Amino acid sequence: MNNLERIFRLEQLGKLPSEQSQEIDDFPLDEFDQLLQSFDLPITLEMAKRLIRLSPPSESGCFGMEWAILSLIESLDIKQLQALIHHADKNEVVDLITIRLENYFKNG
């Protein structure tokens, strides 16, 4: 399975719910996690645009899956990360990237 096939399958599984929601009971977390862990790095900006849409909502998490998505997306360079969050809908991964970029530029 290549990265594009992995993203397609993740999209079929759907957006990560909050770990506090009832939807989590039926969500295939193990498969989602295995797919995230099997990506080849670096990923492309187009792949990152698709992955970021799978994040749980802002101010919620999904048993650390948001960090796995973040880890893949952080294989992009700084300019790509900035462009990515500029055009992405607000969610937990966007929030995490925003904080990390603010710290990067503050600490130079």
C-alpha atoms as a PDB file:
ATOM      1  CA  MET A   1       0.000   0.000   0.000  1.00  0.00           C
ATOM      2  CA  ASN A   2       1.432   3.407  -0.921  1.00  0.00           C
ATOM      3  CA  ASN A   3       0.792   6.765   0.778  1.00  0.00           C
ATOM      4  CA  LEU A   4      -2.044   7.738  -1.571  1.00  0.00           C
ATOM      5  CA  GLU A   5      -3.806   4.457  -0.894  1.00  0.00           C
ATOM      6  CA  ARG A   6      -3.317   4.980   2.850  1.00  0.00           C
ATOM      7  CA  ILE A   7      -4.845   8.465   2.696  1.00  0.00           C
ATOM      8  CA  PHE A   8      -7.761   7.178   0.639  1.00  0.00           C
ATOM      9  CA  ARG A   9      -8.428   4.475   3.242  1.00  0.00           C
ATOM     10  CA  LEU A  10      -8.144   6.981   6.110  1.00  0.00           C
ATOM     11  CA  GLU A  11     -10.669   9.202   4.350  1.00  0.00           C
ATOM     12  CA  GLN A  12     -12.995   6.207   4.039  1.00  0.00           C
ATOM     13  CA  LEU A  13     -12.688   5.625   7.788  1.00  0.00           C
ATOM     14  CA  GLY A  14     -13.558   9.276   8.375  1.00  0.00           C
ATOM     15  CA  LYS A  15     -12.591  12.215  10.491  1.00  0.00           C
ATOM     16  CA  LEU A  16     -11.380  11.423  13.989  1.00  0.00           C
ATOM     17  CA  PRO A  17     -14.044  12.021  16.614  1.00  0.00           C
ATOM     18  CA  SER A  18     -13.279  13.498  20.005  1.00  0.00           C
ATOM     19  CA  GLU A  19     -12.328  10.820  22.505  1.00  0.00           C
ATOM     20  CA  GLN A  20     -15.134  12.231  24.666  1.00  0.00           C
ATOM     21  CA  SER A  21     -17.847  11.613  22.058  1.00  0.00           C
ATOM     22  CA  GLN A  22     -20.035   8.555  21.756  1.00  0.00           C
ATOM     23  CA  GLU A  23     -18.879   8.156  18.146  1.00  0.00           C
ATOM     24  CA  ILE A  24     -15.524   6.902  19.429  1.00  0.00           C
ATOM     25  CA  ASP A  25     -17.064   3.588  20.495  1.00  0.00           C
ATOM     26  CA  ASP A  26     -17.574   2.529  16.869  1.00  0.00           C
ATOM     27  CA  PHE A  27     -14.563   4.244  15.313  1.00  0.00           C
ATOM     28  CA  PRO A  28     -11.829   1.882  13.972  1.00  0.00           C
ATOM     29  CA  LEU A  29      -8.956   3.449  15.957  1.00  0.00           C
ATOM     30  CA  ASP A  30      -6.581   0.520  15.562  1.00  0.00           C
ATOM     31  CA  GLU A  31      -6.811   0.533  11.767  1.00  0.00           C
ATOM     32  CA  PHE A  32      -6.546   4.330  11.678  1.00  0.00           C
ATOM     33  CA  ASP A  33      -3.420   4.210  13.857  1.00  0.00           C
ATOM     34  CA  GLN A  34      -1.806   1.418  11.829  1.00  0.00           C
ATOM     35  CA  LEU A  35      -2.328   3.378   8.631  1.00  0.00           C
ATOM     36  CA  LEU A  36      -0.813   6.542  10.119  1.00  0.00           C
ATOM     37  CA  GLN A  37       2.189   4.601  11.399  1.00  0.00           C
ATOM     38  CA  SER A  38       2.852   3.053   7.987  1.00  0.00           C
ATOM     39  CA  PHE A  39       3.374   6.265   5.975  1.00  0.00           C
ATOM     40  CA  ASP A  40       6.618   6.835   4.120  1.00  0.00           C
ATOM     41  CA  LEU A  41       8.166  10.252   4.791  1.00  0.00           C
ATOM     42  CA  PRO A  42       8.273  12.920   3.672  1.00  0.00           C
ATOM     43  CA  ILE A  43       4.683  13.431   2.643  1.00  0.00           C
ATOM     44  CA  THR A  44       3.616  15.993   0.065  1.00  0.00           C
ATOM     45  CA  LEU A  45       1.687  19.196   0.712  1.00  0.00           C
ATOM     46  CA  GLU A  46      -1.310  17.685  -1.096  1.00  0.00           C
ATOM     47  CA  MET A  47      -1.236  14.675   1.210  1.00  0.00           C
ATOM     48  CA  ALA A  48      -0.963  16.959   4.228  1.00  0.00           C
ATOM     49  CA  LYS A  49      -4.041  18.894   3.068  1.00  0.00           C
ATOM     50  CA  ARG A  50      -5.983  15.661   3.061  1.00  0.00           C
ATOM     51  CA  LEU A  51      -4.581  14.402   6.369  1.00  0.00           C
ATOM     52  CA  ILE A  52      -5.266  17.620   8.264  1.00  0.00           C
ATOM     53  CA  ARG A  53      -8.983  17.318   7.466  1.00  0.00           C
ATOM     54  CA  LEU A  54      -9.053  14.079   9.473  1.00  0.00           C
ATOM     55  CA  SER A  55      -8.102  15.781  12.746  1.00  0.00           C
ATOM     56  CA  PRO A  56     -10.426  15.753  15.734  1.00  0.00           C
ATOM     57  CA  PRO A  57     -12.184  19.036  16.553  1.00  0.00           C
ATOM     58  CA  SER A  58     -10.329  21.893  18.244  1.00  0.00           C
ATOM     59  CA  GLU A  59      -9.675  21.553  21.953  1.00  0.00           C
ATOM     60  CA  SER A  60     -10.243  17.833  21.874  1.00  0.00           C
ATOM     61  CA  GLY A  61      -8.091  14.847  21.244  1.00  0.00           C
ATOM     62  CA  CYS A  62      -8.487  11.326  20.064  1.00  0.00           C
ATOM     63  CA  PHE A  63      -6.156   9.159  22.146  1.00  0.00           C
ATOM     64  CA  GLY A  64      -3.068  10.818  20.646  1.00  0.00           C
ATOM     65  CA  MET A  65      -4.003  10.261  17.012  1.00  0.00           C
ATOM     66  CA  GLU A  66      -3.799  14.013  16.458  1.00  0.00           C
ATOM     67  CA  TRP A  67      -0.097  13.828  17.366  1.00  0.00           C
ATOM     68  CA  ALA A  68       0.475  11.070  14.820  1.00  0.00           C
ATOM     69  CA  ILE A  69      -1.113  13.245  12.121  1.00  0.00           C
ATOM     70  CA  LEU A  70       0.976  16.197  13.299  1.00  0.00           C
ATOM     71  CA  SER A  71       4.146  14.135  13.097  1.00  0.00           C
ATOM     72  CA  LEU A  72       3.482  13.274   9.453  1.00  0.00           C
ATOM     73  CA  ILE A  73       2.573  16.837   8.530  1.00  0.00           C
ATOM     74  CA  GLU A  74       5.686  18.231  10.201  1.00  0.00           C
ATOM     75  CA  SER A  75       7.752  16.557   7.500  1.00  0.00           C
ATOM     76  CA  LEU A  76       6.812  19.622   5.402  1.00  0.00           C
ATOM     77  CA  ASP A  77       8.990  22.721   5.429  1.00  0.00           C
ATOM     78  CA  ILE A  78       8.039  25.891   7.330  1.00  0.00           C
ATOM     79  CA  LYS A  79       6.579  27.720   4.316  1.00  0.00           C
ATOM     80  CA  GLN A  80       4.427  24.707   3.447  1.00  0.00           C
ATOM     81  CA  LEU A  81       3.207  24.450   7.045  1.00  0.00           C
ATOM     82  CA  GLN A  82       2.242  28.112   7.024  1.00  0.00           C
ATOM     83  CA  ALA A  83       0.367  27.730   3.743  1.00  0.00           C
ATOM     84  CA  LEU A  84      -1.335  24.592   5.002  1.00  0.00           C
ATOM     85  CA  ILE A  85      -2.811  26.120   8.142  1.00  0.00           C
ATOM     86  CA  HIS A  86      -3.708  29.338   6.338  1.00  0.00           C
ATOM     87  CA  HIS A  87      -6.152  27.424   4.146  1.00  0.00           C
ATOM     88  CA  ALA A  88      -7.289  24.715   6.595  1.00  0.00           C
ATOM     89  CA  ASP A  89     -10.426  24.704   8.705  1.00  0.00           C
ATOM     90  CA  LYS A  90      -9.816  25.037  12.433  1.00  0.00           C
ATOM     91  CA  ASN A  91      -9.264  21.730  14.227  1.00  0.00           C
ATOM     92  CA  GLU A  92      -6.906  20.235  16.812  1.00  0.00           C
ATOM     93  CA  VAL A  93      -3.995  19.609  14.417  1.00  0.00           C
ATOM     94  CA  VAL A  94      -4.266  23.142  13.004  1.00  0.00           C
ATOM     95  CA  ASP A  95      -4.191  24.456  16.579  1.00  0.00           C
ATOM     96  CA  LEU A  96      -1.086  22.397  17.387  1.00  0.00           C
ATOM     97  CA  ILE A  97       0.752  23.498  14.241  1.00  0.00           C
ATOM     98  CA  THR A  98      -0.152  27.131  14.928  1.00  0.00           C
ATOM     99  CA  ILE A  99       1.327  26.935  18.429  1.00  0.00           C
ATOM    100  CA  ARG A 100       4.470  25.202  17.180  1.00  0.00           C
ATOM    101  CA  LEU A 101       4.989  27.780  14.420  1.00  0.00           C
ATOM    102  CA  GLU A 102       4.489  30.650  16.879  1.00  0.00           C
ATOM    103  CA  ASN A 103       7.128  29.112  19.159  1.00  0.00           C
ATOM    104  CA  TYR A 104       9.478  28.519  16.227  1.00  0.00           C
ATOM    105  CA  PHE A 105       9.348  32.158  15.146  1.00  0.00           C
ATOM    106  CA  LYS A 106       9.454  33.489  18.697  1.00  0.00           C
ATOM    107  CA  ASN A 107      12.530  31.443  19.558  1.00  0.00           C
ATOM    108  CA  GLY A 108      14.104  31.835  16.122  1.00  0.00           C
END
